PDB file of all heavy atoms in Angstrom:
ATOM      1  N   ILE A   1      39.719  63.092   2.270  1.00  0.00           N
ATOM      2  CA  ILE A   1      40.583  64.078   1.608  1.00  0.00           C
ATOM      3  C   ILE A   1      42.008  63.528   1.457  1.00  0.00           C
ATOM      4  O   ILE A   1      42.610  63.612   0.381  1.00  0.00           O
ATOM      5  CB  ILE A   1      40.592  65.408   2.391  1.00  0.00           C
ATOM      6  CG1 ILE A   1      39.225  66.092   2.272  1.00  0.00           C
ATOM      7  CG2 ILE A   1      41.690  66.334   1.882  1.00  0.00           C
ATOM      8  CD1 ILE A   1      39.049  67.282   3.188  1.00  0.00           C
ATOM      9  N   GLY A   2      42.532  62.957   2.534  1.00  0.00           N
ATOM     10  CA  GLY A   2      43.900  62.431   2.495  1.00  0.00           C
ATOM     11  C   GLY A   2      44.075  61.304   1.499  1.00  0.00           C
ATOM     12  O   GLY A   2      45.042  61.277   0.731  1.00  0.00           O
ATOM     13  N   PHE A   3      43.127  60.387   1.470  1.00  0.00           N
ATOM     14  CA  PHE A   3      43.266  59.255   0.554  1.00  0.00           C
ATOM     15  C   PHE A   3      42.927  59.636  -0.882  1.00  0.00           C
ATOM     16  O   PHE A   3      43.391  58.988  -1.814  1.00  0.00           O
ATOM     17  CB  PHE A   3      42.432  58.069   1.030  1.00  0.00           C
ATOM     18  CG  PHE A   3      43.145  57.239   2.060  1.00  0.00           C
ATOM     19  CD1 PHE A   3      43.002  57.507   3.405  1.00  0.00           C
ATOM     20  CD2 PHE A   3      43.994  56.213   1.682  1.00  0.00           C
ATOM     21  CE1 PHE A   3      43.674  56.768   4.351  1.00  0.00           C
ATOM     22  CE2 PHE A   3      44.675  55.465   2.614  1.00  0.00           C
ATOM     23  CZ  PHE A   3      44.518  55.744   3.959  1.00  0.00           C
ATOM     24  N   TYR A   4      42.146  60.704  -1.097  1.00  0.00           N
ATOM     25  CA  TYR A   4      41.944  61.189  -2.459  1.00  0.00           C
ATOM     26  C   TYR A   4      43.260  61.731  -3.003  1.00  0.00           C
ATOM     27  O   TYR A   4      43.635  61.459  -4.145  1.00  0.00           O
ATOM     28  CB  TYR A   4      40.875  62.276  -2.522  1.00  0.00           C
ATOM     29  CG  TYR A   4      40.644  62.762  -3.928  1.00  0.00           C
ATOM     30  CD1 TYR A   4      39.880  62.014  -4.815  1.00  0.00           C
ATOM     31  CD2 TYR A   4      41.219  63.935  -4.389  1.00  0.00           C
ATOM     32  CE1 TYR A   4      39.696  62.434  -6.122  1.00  0.00           C
ATOM     33  CE2 TYR A   4      41.038  64.357  -5.683  1.00  0.00           C
ATOM     34  CZ  TYR A   4      40.270  63.608  -6.548  1.00  0.00           C
ATOM     35  OH  TYR A   4      40.094  64.026  -7.846  1.00  0.00           O
ATOM     36  N   ILE A   5      43.975  62.492  -2.165  1.00  0.00           N
ATOM     37  CA  ILE A   5      45.277  63.028  -2.583  1.00  0.00           C
ATOM     38  C   ILE A   5      46.252  61.886  -2.859  1.00  0.00           C
ATOM     39  O   ILE A   5      46.974  61.903  -3.855  1.00  0.00           O
ATOM     40  CB  ILE A   5      45.816  64.002  -1.515  1.00  0.00           C
ATOM     41  CG1 ILE A   5      44.931  65.248  -1.464  1.00  0.00           C
ATOM     42  CG2 ILE A   5      47.260  64.380  -1.792  1.00  0.00           C
ATOM     43  CD1 ILE A   5      45.199  66.156  -0.282  1.00  0.00           C
ATOM     44  N   LEU A   6      46.276  60.884  -1.979  1.00  0.00           N
ATOM     45  CA  LEU A   6      47.139  59.720  -2.192  1.00  0.00           C
ATOM     46  C   LEU A   6      46.785  58.995  -3.491  1.00  0.00           C
ATOM     47  O   LEU A   6      47.663  58.615  -4.268  1.00  0.00           O
ATOM     48  CB  LEU A   6      47.031  58.765  -1.009  1.00  0.00           C
ATOM     49  CG  LEU A   6      47.863  57.487  -1.102  1.00  0.00           C
ATOM     50  CD1 LEU A   6      49.346  57.818  -1.041  1.00  0.00           C
ATOM     51  CD2 LEU A   6      47.487  56.542   0.010  1.00  0.00           C
ATOM     52  N   GLY A   7      45.491  58.805  -3.750  1.00  0.00           N
ATOM     53  CA  GLY A   7      45.058  58.160  -4.988  1.00  0.00           C
ATOM     54  C   GLY A   7      45.429  58.963  -6.219  1.00  0.00           C
ATOM     55  O   GLY A   7      45.782  58.404  -7.260  1.00  0.00           O
ATOM     56  N   TYR A   8      45.366  60.296  -6.109  1.00  0.00           N
ATOM     57  CA  TYR A   8      45.735  61.142  -7.232  1.00  0.00           C
ATOM     58  C   TYR A   8      47.231  61.038  -7.515  1.00  0.00           C
ATOM     59  O   TYR A   8      47.656  61.018  -8.674  1.00  0.00           O
ATOM     60  CB  TYR A   8      45.338  62.597  -6.953  1.00  0.00           C
ATOM     61  CG  TYR A   8      45.355  63.452  -8.184  1.00  0.00           C
ATOM     62  CD1 TYR A   8      44.342  63.342  -9.135  1.00  0.00           C
ATOM     63  CD2 TYR A   8      46.386  64.344  -8.424  1.00  0.00           C
ATOM     64  CE1 TYR A   8      44.359  64.110 -10.278  1.00  0.00           C
ATOM     65  CE2 TYR A   8      46.414  65.112  -9.557  1.00  0.00           C
ATOM     66  CZ  TYR A   8      45.402  64.998 -10.490  1.00  0.00           C
ATOM     67  OH  TYR A   8      45.428  65.752 -11.629  1.00  0.00           O
ATOM     68  N   ILE A   9      48.043  60.939  -6.459  1.00  0.00           N
ATOM     69  CA  ILE A   9      49.491  60.760  -6.644  1.00  0.00           C
ATOM     70  C   ILE A   9      49.771  59.416  -7.319  1.00  0.00           C
ATOM     71  O   ILE A   9      50.598  59.332  -8.227  1.00  0.00           O
ATOM     72  CB  ILE A   9      50.219  60.881  -5.288  1.00  0.00           C
ATOM     73  CG1 ILE A   9      50.139  62.319  -4.782  1.00  0.00           C
ATOM     74  CG2 ILE A   9      51.668  60.423  -5.397  1.00  0.00           C
ATOM     75  CD1 ILE A   9      50.601  62.506  -3.357  1.00  0.00           C
ATOM     76  N   ILE A  10      49.063  58.377  -6.898  1.00  0.00           N
ATOM     77  CA  ILE A  10      49.213  57.061  -7.530  1.00  0.00           C
ATOM     78  C   ILE A  10      48.830  57.139  -9.005  1.00  0.00           C
ATOM     79  O   ILE A  10      49.514  56.585  -9.864  1.00  0.00           O
ATOM     80  CB  ILE A  10      48.367  56.007  -6.793  1.00  0.00           C
ATOM     81  CG1 ILE A  10      48.934  55.759  -5.396  1.00  0.00           C
ATOM     82  CG2 ILE A  10      48.303  54.704  -7.583  1.00  0.00           C
ATOM     83  CD1 ILE A  10      48.034  54.930  -4.506  1.00  0.00           C
ATOM     84  N   LYS A  11      47.753  57.853  -9.321  1.00  0.00           N
ATOM     85  CA  LYS A  11      47.306  58.019 -10.703  1.00  0.00           C
ATOM     86  C   LYS A  11      48.370  58.720 -11.537  1.00  0.00           C
ATOM     87  O   LYS A  11      48.666  58.303 -12.659  1.00  0.00           O
ATOM     88  CB  LYS A  11      46.007  58.821 -10.745  1.00  0.00           C
ATOM     89  CG  LYS A  11      45.505  59.131 -12.133  1.00  0.00           C
ATOM     90  CD  LYS A  11      44.373  60.139 -12.067  1.00  0.00           C
ATOM     91  CE  LYS A  11      43.880  60.558 -13.405  1.00  0.00           C
ATOM     92  NZ  LYS A  11      44.855  61.098 -14.298  1.00  0.00           N
ATOM     93  N   ILE A  12      48.982  59.764 -10.998  1.00  0.00           N
ATOM     94  CA  ILE A  12      50.012  60.510 -11.730  1.00  0.00           C
ATOM     95  C   ILE A  12      51.219  59.611 -12.015  1.00  0.00           C
ATOM     96  O   ILE A  12      51.743  59.602 -13.126  1.00  0.00           O
ATOM     97  CB  ILE A  12      50.432  61.764 -10.940  1.00  0.00           C
ATOM     98  CG1 ILE A  12      49.293  62.785 -10.950  1.00  0.00           C
ATOM     99  CG2 ILE A  12      51.695  62.376 -11.510  1.00  0.00           C
ATOM    100  CD1 ILE A  12      49.523  63.957 -10.025  1.00  0.00           C
ATOM    101  N   VAL A  13      51.638  58.835 -11.012  1.00  0.00           N
ATOM    102  CA  VAL A  13      52.784  57.937 -11.198  1.00  0.00           C
ATOM    103  C   VAL A  13      52.470  56.884 -12.260  1.00  0.00           C
ATOM    104  O   VAL A  13      53.297  56.603 -13.134  1.00  0.00           O
ATOM    105  CB  VAL A  13      53.171  57.273  -9.856  1.00  0.00           C
ATOM    106  CG1 VAL A  13      54.167  56.157 -10.061  1.00  0.00           C
ATOM    107  CG2 VAL A  13      53.724  58.315  -8.898  1.00  0.00           C
ATOM    108  N   LEU A  14      51.262  56.307 -12.212  1.00  0.00           N
ATOM    109  CA  LEU A  14      50.889  55.308 -13.223  1.00  0.00           C
ATOM    110  C   LEU A  14      50.820  55.917 -14.618  1.00  0.00           C
ATOM    111  O   LEU A  14      51.251  55.296 -15.592  1.00  0.00           O
ATOM    112  CB  LEU A  14      49.551  54.663 -12.856  1.00  0.00           C
ATOM    113  CG  LEU A  14      49.575  53.682 -11.695  1.00  0.00           C
ATOM    114  CD1 LEU A  14      48.164  53.226 -11.361  1.00  0.00           C
ATOM    115  CD2 LEU A  14      50.444  52.495 -12.022  1.00  0.00           C
ATOM    116  N   ASP A  15      50.262  57.133 -14.724  1.00  0.00           N
ATOM    117  CA  ASP A  15      50.186  57.789 -16.032  1.00  0.00           C
ATOM    118  C   ASP A  15      51.572  58.053 -16.605  1.00  0.00           C
ATOM    119  O   ASP A  15      51.803  57.847 -17.798  1.00  0.00           O
ATOM    120  CB  ASP A  15      49.411  59.111 -15.923  1.00  0.00           C
ATOM    121  CG  ASP A  15      47.922  58.902 -15.798  1.00  0.00           C
ATOM    122  OD1 ASP A  15      47.436  57.798 -16.137  1.00  0.00           O
ATOM    123  OD2 ASP A  15      47.232  59.843 -15.347  1.00  0.00           O
ATOM    124  N   MET A  16      52.499  58.502 -15.763  1.00  0.00           N
ATOM    125  CA  MET A  16      53.856  58.765 -16.250  1.00  0.00           C
ATOM    126  C   MET A  16      54.515  57.482 -16.727  1.00  0.00           C
ATOM    127  O   MET A  16      55.167  57.457 -17.776  1.00  0.00           O
ATOM    128  CB  MET A  16      54.702  59.404 -15.151  1.00  0.00           C
ATOM    129  CG  MET A  16      54.336  60.826 -14.869  1.00  0.00           C
ATOM    130  SD  MET A  16      55.395  61.739 -13.720  1.00  0.00           S
ATOM    131  CE  MET A  16      56.104  60.539 -12.666  1.00  0.00           C
ATOM    132  N   ASN A  17      54.336  56.399 -15.983  1.00  0.00           N
ATOM    133  CA  ASN A  17      54.956  55.130 -16.373  1.00  0.00           C
ATOM    134  C   ASN A  17      54.294  54.537 -17.603  1.00  0.00           C
ATOM    135  O   ASN A  17      54.965  53.932 -18.434  1.00  0.00           O
ATOM    136  CB  ASN A  17      54.920  54.142 -15.211  1.00  0.00           C
ATOM    137  CG  ASN A  17      55.887  54.527 -14.123  1.00  0.00           C
ATOM    138  OD1 ASN A  17      56.913  55.125 -14.393  1.00  0.00           O
ATOM    139  ND2 ASN A  17      55.555  54.193 -12.895  1.00  0.00           N
ATOM    140  N   MET A  18      52.982  54.670 -17.744  1.00  0.00           N
ATOM    141  CA  MET A  18      52.294  54.148 -18.928  1.00  0.00           C
ATOM    142  C   MET A  18      52.699  54.922 -20.167  1.00  0.00           C
ATOM    143  O   MET A  18      52.902  54.334 -21.226  1.00  0.00           O
ATOM    144  CB  MET A  18      50.776  54.219 -18.754  1.00  0.00           C
ATOM    145  CG  MET A  18      50.237  53.259 -17.741  1.00  0.00           C
ATOM    146  SD  MET A  18      50.614  51.572 -18.232  1.00  0.00           S
ATOM    147  CE  MET A  18      50.324  50.735 -16.717  1.00  0.00           C
ATOM    148  N   ASN A  19      52.827  56.238 -20.065  1.00  0.00           N
ATOM    149  CA  ASN A  19      53.277  57.034 -21.208  1.00  0.00           C
ATOM    150  C   ASN A  19      54.700  56.669 -21.598  1.00  0.00           C
ATOM    151  O   ASN A  19      55.037  56.616 -22.774  1.00  0.00           O
ATOM    152  CB  ASN A  19      53.193  58.527 -20.896  1.00  0.00           C
ATOM    153  CG  ASN A  19      51.763  59.009 -20.838  1.00  0.00           C
ATOM    154  OD1 ASN A  19      50.872  58.385 -21.402  1.00  0.00           O
ATOM    155  ND2 ASN A  19      51.548  60.104 -20.143  1.00  0.00           N
ATOM    156  N   LYS A  20      55.530  56.404 -20.610  1.00  0.00           N
ATOM    157  CA  LYS A  20      56.907  56.009 -20.882  1.00  0.00           C
ATOM    158  C   LYS A  20      56.944  54.661 -21.606  1.00  0.00           C
ATOM    159  O   LYS A  20      57.698  54.481 -22.554  1.00  0.00           O
ATOM    160  CB  LYS A  20      57.677  55.928 -19.559  1.00  0.00           C
ATOM    161  CG  LYS A  20      59.132  55.670 -19.700  1.00  0.00           C
ATOM    162  CD  LYS A  20      59.794  55.685 -18.327  1.00  0.00           C
ATOM    163  CE  LYS A  20      61.239  55.321 -18.412  1.00  0.00           C
ATOM    164  NZ  LYS A  20      61.863  55.258 -17.083  1.00  0.00           N
ATOM    165  N   LEU A  21      56.101  53.717 -21.170  1.00  0.00           N
ATOM    166  CA  LEU A  21      56.046  52.412 -21.827  1.00  0.00           C
ATOM    167  C   LEU A  21      55.503  52.530 -23.242  1.00  0.00           C
ATOM    168  O   LEU A  21      55.990  51.865 -24.157  1.00  0.00           O
ATOM    169  CB  LEU A  21      55.177  51.452 -21.024  1.00  0.00           C
ATOM    170  CG  LEU A  21      55.788  50.869 -19.768  1.00  0.00           C
ATOM    171  CD1 LEU A  21      54.757  50.011 -19.039  1.00  0.00           C
ATOM    172  CD2 LEU A  21      57.002  50.041 -20.091  1.00  0.00           C
ATOM    173  N   ASP A  22      54.477  53.359 -23.441  1.00  0.00           N
ATOM    174  CA  ASP A  22      53.893  53.522 -24.772  1.00  0.00           C
ATOM    175  C   ASP A  22      54.904  54.107 -25.748  1.00  0.00           C
ATOM    176  O   ASP A  22      54.916  53.765 -26.918  1.00  0.00           O
ATOM    177  CB  ASP A  22      52.657  54.418 -24.708  1.00  0.00           C
ATOM    178  CG  ASP A  22      51.483  53.739 -24.031  1.00  0.00           C
ATOM    179  OD1 ASP A  22      51.510  52.494 -23.905  1.00  0.00           O
ATOM    180  OD2 ASP A  22      50.546  54.446 -23.619  1.00  0.00           O
ATOM    181  N   ASP A  23      55.740  55.018 -25.281  1.00  0.00           N
ATOM    182  CA  ASP A  23      56.730  55.636 -26.159  1.00  0.00           C
ATOM    183  C   ASP A  23      57.855  54.678 -26.510  1.00  0.00           C
ATOM    184  O   ASP A  23      58.413  54.749 -27.595  1.00  0.00           O
ATOM    185  CB  ASP A  23      57.320  56.885 -25.496  1.00  0.00           C
ATOM    186  CG  ASP A  23      56.295  57.993 -25.350  1.00  0.00           C
ATOM    187  OD1 ASP A  23      55.261  57.925 -26.050  1.00  0.00           O
ATOM    188  OD2 ASP A  23      56.524  58.910 -24.540  1.00  0.00           O
ATOM    189  N   GLU A  24      58.207  53.790 -25.610  1.00  0.00           N
ATOM    190  CA  GLU A  24      59.369  52.938 -25.825  1.00  0.00           C
ATOM    191  C   GLU A  24      59.083  51.708 -26.670  1.00  0.00           C
ATOM    192  O   GLU A  24      59.938  51.247 -27.383  1.00  0.00           O
ATOM    193  CB  GLU A  24      59.931  52.496 -24.473  1.00  0.00           C
ATOM    194  CG  GLU A  24      60.562  53.623 -23.689  1.00  0.00           C
ATOM    195  CD  GLU A  24      61.082  53.169 -22.346  1.00  0.00           C
ATOM    196  OE1 GLU A  24      60.942  51.979 -22.023  1.00  0.00           O
ATOM    197  OE2 GLU A  24      61.620  54.012 -21.622  1.00  0.00           O
ATOM    198  N   ILE A  25      57.909  51.148 -26.597  1.00  0.00           N
ATOM    199  CA  ILE A  25      57.602  49.899 -27.287  1.00  0.00           C
ATOM    200  C   ILE A  25      57.131  50.188 -28.705  1.00  0.00           C
ATOM    201  O   ILE A  25      56.202  50.948 -28.916  1.00  0.00           O
ATOM    202  CB  ILE A  25      56.529  49.088 -26.532  1.00  0.00           C
ATOM    203  CG1 ILE A  25      57.065  48.695 -25.153  1.00  0.00           C
ATOM    204  CG2 ILE A  25      56.121  47.867 -27.319  1.00  0.00           C
ATOM    205  CD1 ILE A  25      56.061  47.993 -24.289  1.00  0.00           C
ATOM    206  N   THR A  26      57.786  49.586 -29.666  1.00  0.00           N
ATOM    207  CA  THR A  26      57.388  49.720 -31.068  1.00  0.00           C
ATOM    208  C   THR A  26      57.134  48.333 -31.635  1.00  0.00           C
ATOM    209  O   THR A  26      57.392  47.318 -30.984  1.00  0.00           O
ATOM    210  CB  THR A  26      58.497  50.417 -31.878  1.00  0.00           C
ATOM    211  OG1 THR A  26      59.658  49.603 -31.840  1.00  0.00           O
ATOM    212  CG2 THR A  26      58.811  51.802 -31.331  1.00  0.00           C
ATOM    213  N   ALA A  27      56.651  48.292 -32.863  1.00  0.00           N
ATOM    214  CA  ALA A  27      56.381  47.010 -33.509  1.00  0.00           C
ATOM    215  C   ALA A  27      57.680  46.228 -33.726  1.00  0.00           C
ATOM    216  O   ALA A  27      57.693  45.004 -33.626  1.00  0.00           O
ATOM    217  CB  ALA A  27      55.665  47.225 -34.836  1.00  0.00           C
ATOM    218  N   ASP A  28      58.745  46.934 -34.003  1.00  0.00           N
ATOM    219  CA  ASP A  28      60.041  46.254 -34.185  1.00  0.00           C
ATOM    220  C   ASP A  28      60.506  45.606 -32.885  1.00  0.00           C
ATOM    221  O   ASP A  28      61.128  44.539 -32.906  1.00  0.00           O
ATOM    222  CB  ASP A  28      61.099  47.241 -34.677  1.00  0.00           C
ATOM    223  CG  ASP A  28      60.811  47.729 -36.086  1.00  0.00           C
ATOM    224  OD1 ASP A  28      60.151  46.974 -36.839  1.00  0.00           O
ATOM    225  OD2 ASP A  28      61.232  48.850 -36.424  1.00  0.00           O
ATOM    226  N   ASP A  29      60.209  46.239 -31.755  1.00  0.00           N
ATOM    227  CA  ASP A  29      60.587  45.658 -30.468  1.00  0.00           C
ATOM    228  C   ASP A  29      59.864  44.339 -30.222  1.00  0.00           C
ATOM    229  O   ASP A  29      60.390  43.454 -29.546  1.00  0.00           O
ATOM    230  CB  ASP A  29      60.258  46.616 -29.321  1.00  0.00           C
ATOM    231  CG  ASP A  29      61.087  47.887 -29.379  1.00  0.00           C
ATOM    232  OD1 ASP A  29      62.179  47.848 -29.981  1.00  0.00           O
ATOM    233  OD2 ASP A  29      60.640  48.903 -28.824  1.00  0.00           O
ATOM    234  N   LEU A  30      58.669  44.222 -30.759  1.00  0.00           N
ATOM    235  CA  LEU A  30      57.881  43.003 -30.571  1.00  0.00           C
ATOM    236  C   LEU A  30      58.206  41.938 -31.615  1.00  0.00           C
ATOM    237  O   LEU A  30      57.667  40.840 -31.565  1.00  0.00           O
ATOM    238  CB  LEU A  30      56.392  43.325 -30.610  1.00  0.00           C
ATOM    239  CG  LEU A  30      55.903  44.275 -29.512  1.00  0.00           C
ATOM    240  CD1 LEU A  30      54.453  44.616 -29.739  1.00  0.00           C
ATOM    241  CD2 LEU A  30      56.105  43.659 -28.144  1.00  0.00           C
ATOM    242  N   GLY A  31      59.071  42.249 -32.575  1.00  0.00           N
ATOM    243  CA  GLY A  31      59.482  41.265 -33.563  1.00  0.00           C
ATOM    244  C   GLY A  31      58.644  41.273 -34.827  1.00  0.00           C
ATOM    245  O   GLY A  31      58.724  40.352 -35.627  1.00  0.00           O
ATOM    246  N   PHE A  32      57.837  42.308 -35.034  1.00  0.00           N
ATOM    247  CA  PHE A  32      57.017  42.382 -36.241  1.00  0.00           C
ATOM    248  C   PHE A  32      57.737  43.207 -37.305  1.00  0.00           C
ATOM    249  O   PHE A  32      58.474  44.126 -37.012  1.00  0.00           O
ATOM    250  CB  PHE A  32      55.662  43.038 -35.947  1.00  0.00           C
ATOM    251  CG  PHE A  32      54.798  42.257 -35.019  1.00  0.00           C
ATOM    252  CD1 PHE A  32      54.536  42.716 -33.734  1.00  0.00           C
ATOM    253  CD2 PHE A  32      54.241  41.063 -35.420  1.00  0.00           C
ATOM    254  CE1 PHE A  32      53.741  41.992 -32.880  1.00  0.00           C
ATOM    255  CE2 PHE A  32      53.437  40.337 -34.575  1.00  0.00           C
ATOM    256  CZ  PHE A  32      53.188  40.806 -33.302  1.00  0.00           C
ATOM    257  N   LYS A  33      57.486  42.844 -38.553  1.00  0.00           N
ATOM    258  CA  LYS A  33      57.992  43.617 -39.667  1.00  0.00           C
ATOM    259  C   LYS A  33      56.796  44.256 -40.348  1.00  0.00           C
ATOM    260  O   LYS A  33      55.659  43.918 -40.064  1.00  0.00           O
ATOM    261  CB  LYS A  33      58.742  42.712 -40.649  1.00  0.00           C
ATOM    262  CG  LYS A  33      59.951  42.050 -40.045  1.00  0.00           C
ATOM    263  CD  LYS A  33      60.586  41.094 -41.036  1.00  0.00           C
ATOM    264  CE  LYS A  33      61.694  40.324 -40.360  1.00  0.00           C
ATOM    265  NZ  LYS A  33      62.197  39.246 -41.209  1.00  0.00           N
ATOM    266  N   ASP A  34      57.040  45.147 -41.264  1.00  0.00           N
ATOM    267  CA  ASP A  34      55.946  45.774 -41.992  1.00  0.00           C
ATOM    268  C   ASP A  34      55.154  44.724 -42.751  1.00  0.00           C
ATOM    269  O   ASP A  34      55.716  43.866 -43.424  1.00  0.00           O
ATOM    270  CB  ASP A  34      56.477  46.818 -42.984  1.00  0.00           C
ATOM    271  CG  ASP A  34      56.986  48.055 -42.271  1.00  0.00           C
ATOM    272  OD1 ASP A  34      56.556  48.288 -41.127  1.00  0.00           O
ATOM    273  OD2 ASP A  34      57.796  48.785 -42.863  1.00  0.00           O
ATOM    274  N   GLY A  35      53.849  44.788 -42.637  1.00  0.00           N
ATOM    275  CA  GLY A  35      52.985  43.875 -43.371  1.00  0.00           C
ATOM    276  C   GLY A  35      52.663  42.594 -42.638  1.00  0.00           C
ATOM    277  O   GLY A  35      51.958  41.749 -43.159  1.00  0.00           O
ATOM    278  N   GLU A  36      53.164  42.391 -41.449  1.00  0.00           N
ATOM    279  CA  GLU A  36      52.876  41.180 -40.694  1.00  0.00           C
ATOM    280  C   GLU A  36      51.845  41.486 -39.605  1.00  0.00           C
ATOM    281  O   GLU A  36      51.934  42.496 -38.916  1.00  0.00           O
ATOM    282  CB  GLU A  36      54.138  40.631 -40.017  1.00  0.00           C
ATOM    283  CG  GLU A  36      55.182  40.153 -40.977  1.00  0.00           C
ATOM    284  CD  GLU A  36      56.407  39.659 -40.235  1.00  0.00           C
ATOM    285  OE1 GLU A  36      56.555  39.956 -39.048  1.00  0.00           O
ATOM    286  OE2 GLU A  36      57.201  38.969 -40.877  1.00  0.00           O
ATOM    287  N   ILE A  37      50.884  40.604 -39.467  1.00  0.00           N
ATOM    288  CA  ILE A  37      49.900  40.734 -38.401  1.00  0.00           C
ATOM    289  C   ILE A  37      49.684  39.366 -37.759  1.00  0.00           C
ATOM    290  O   ILE A  37      50.012  38.343 -38.345  1.00  0.00           O
ATOM    291  CB  ILE A  37      48.536  41.276 -38.926  1.00  0.00           C
ATOM    292  CG1 ILE A  37      47.979  40.366 -40.018  1.00  0.00           C
ATOM    293  CG2 ILE A  37      48.676  42.697 -39.417  1.00  0.00           C
ATOM    294  CD1 ILE A  37      46.582  40.730 -40.454  1.00  0.00           C
ATOM    295  N   LEU A  38      49.150  39.364 -36.559  1.00  0.00           N
ATOM    296  CA  LEU A  38      48.808  38.111 -35.882  1.00  0.00           C
ATOM    297  C   LEU A  38      47.310  37.937 -35.911  1.00  0.00           C
ATOM    298  O   LEU A  38      46.563  38.871 -35.644  1.00  0.00           O
ATOM    299  CB  LEU A  38      49.296  38.118 -34.423  1.00  0.00           C
ATOM    300  CG  LEU A  38      50.788  38.027 -34.211  1.00  0.00           C
ATOM    301  CD1 LEU A  38      51.086  38.119 -32.734  1.00  0.00           C
ATOM    302  CD2 LEU A  38      51.329  36.731 -34.763  1.00  0.00           C
ATOM    303  N   GLU A  39      46.860  36.736 -36.217  1.00  0.00           N
ATOM    304  CA  GLU A  39      45.434  36.458 -36.109  1.00  0.00           C
ATOM    305  C   GLU A  39      45.082  36.336 -34.645  1.00  0.00           C
ATOM    306  O   GLU A  39      45.900  35.927 -33.819  1.00  0.00           O
ATOM    307  CB  GLU A  39      45.084  35.166 -36.847  1.00  0.00           C
ATOM    308  CG  GLU A  39      45.183  35.292 -38.341  1.00  0.00           C
ATOM    309  CD  GLU A  39      44.744  34.023 -39.042  1.00  0.00           C
ATOM    310  OE1 GLU A  39      44.337  33.070 -38.360  1.00  0.00           O
ATOM    311  OE2 GLU A  39      44.815  33.998 -40.269  1.00  0.00           O
ATOM    312  N   ASP A  40      43.832  36.655 -34.296  1.00  0.00           N
ATOM    313  CA  ASP A  40      43.430  36.694 -32.898  1.00  0.00           C
ATOM    314  C   ASP A  40      43.488  35.332 -32.222  1.00  0.00           C
ATOM    315  O   ASP A  40      44.084  35.178 -31.171  1.00  0.00           O
ATOM    316  CB  ASP A  40      42.013  37.263 -32.772  1.00  0.00           C
ATOM    317  CG  ASP A  40      41.985  38.749 -33.073  1.00  0.00           C
ATOM    318  OD1 ASP A  40      43.050  39.380 -32.984  1.00  0.00           O
ATOM    319  OD2 ASP A  40      40.911  39.263 -33.387  1.00  0.00           O
ATOM    320  N   MET A  41      42.853  34.326 -32.779  1.00  0.00           N
ATOM    321  CA  MET A  41      42.715  33.054 -32.091  1.00  0.00           C
ATOM    322  C   MET A  41      43.912  32.127 -32.288  1.00  0.00           C
ATOM    323  O   MET A  41      44.394  31.524 -31.353  1.00  0.00           O
ATOM    324  CB  MET A  41      41.448  32.331 -32.544  1.00  0.00           C
ATOM    325  CG  MET A  41      40.195  33.051 -32.143  1.00  0.00           C
ATOM    326  SD  MET A  41      40.162  33.194 -30.369  1.00  0.00           S
ATOM    327  CE  MET A  41      38.470  33.494 -30.091  1.00  0.00           C
ATOM    328  N   ASP A  42      44.383  32.028 -33.506  1.00  0.00           N
ATOM    329  CA  ASP A  42      45.425  31.044 -33.794  1.00  0.00           C
ATOM    330  C   ASP A  42      46.818  31.553 -33.469  1.00  0.00           C
ATOM    331  O   ASP A  42      47.744  30.760 -33.296  1.00  0.00           O
ATOM    332  CB  ASP A  42      45.366  30.640 -35.266  1.00  0.00           C
ATOM    333  CG  ASP A  42      44.064  29.969 -35.632  1.00  0.00           C
ATOM    334  OD1 ASP A  42      43.454  29.320 -34.752  1.00  0.00           O
ATOM    335  OD2 ASP A  42      43.663  30.090 -36.801  1.00  0.00           O
ATOM    336  N   MET A  43      46.980  32.862 -33.402  1.00  0.00           N
ATOM    337  CA  MET A  43      48.268  33.485 -33.120  1.00  0.00           C
ATOM    338  C   MET A  43      49.335  33.036 -34.112  1.00  0.00           C
ATOM    339  O   MET A  43      50.480  32.822 -33.770  1.00  0.00           O
ATOM    340  CB  MET A  43      48.713  33.197 -31.682  1.00  0.00           C
ATOM    341  CG  MET A  43      47.779  33.729 -30.630  1.00  0.00           C
ATOM    342  SD  MET A  43      47.548  35.504 -30.701  1.00  0.00           S
ATOM    343  CE  MET A  43      49.085  36.051 -30.011  1.00  0.00           C
ATOM    344  N   GLU A  44      48.922  32.859 -35.361  1.00  0.00           N
ATOM    345  CA  GLU A  44      49.863  32.505 -36.409  1.00  0.00           C
ATOM    346  C   GLU A  44      50.261  33.764 -37.165  1.00  0.00           C
ATOM    347  O   GLU A  44      49.468  34.673 -37.342  1.00  0.00           O
ATOM    348  CB  GLU A  44      49.229  31.516 -37.389  1.00  0.00           C
ATOM    349  CG  GLU A  44      48.890  30.174 -36.769  1.00  0.00           C
ATOM    350  CD  GLU A  44      48.164  29.268 -37.755  1.00  0.00           C
ATOM    351  OE1 GLU A  44      48.057  29.629 -38.931  1.00  0.00           O
ATOM    352  OE2 GLU A  44      47.709  28.213 -37.316  1.00  0.00           O
ATOM    353  N   LEU A  45      51.468  33.804 -37.612  1.00  0.00           N
ATOM    354  CA  LEU A  45      51.961  34.938 -38.358  1.00  0.00           C
ATOM    355  C   LEU A  45      51.382  34.889 -39.768  1.00  0.00           C
ATOM    356  O   LEU A  45      51.449  33.876 -40.451  1.00  0.00           O
ATOM    357  CB  LEU A  45      53.489  34.891 -38.406  1.00  0.00           C
ATOM    358  CG  LEU A  45      54.188  36.133 -38.875  1.00  0.00           C
ATOM    359  CD1 LEU A  45      53.837  37.303 -37.989  1.00  0.00           C
ATOM    360  CD2 LEU A  45      55.686  35.914 -38.863  1.00  0.00           C
TER     361      LEU A  45
END
């Protein structure tokens, strides 16, 4: 019971931080412009 509660608290903290990261990072932050994509293997623009 105690470690389930601890694990649930860890889950809540991770979810809050992941949502915060998802909201903050945009394509412009990564250096992409509209219409640009990276190929999977070659990683060429």
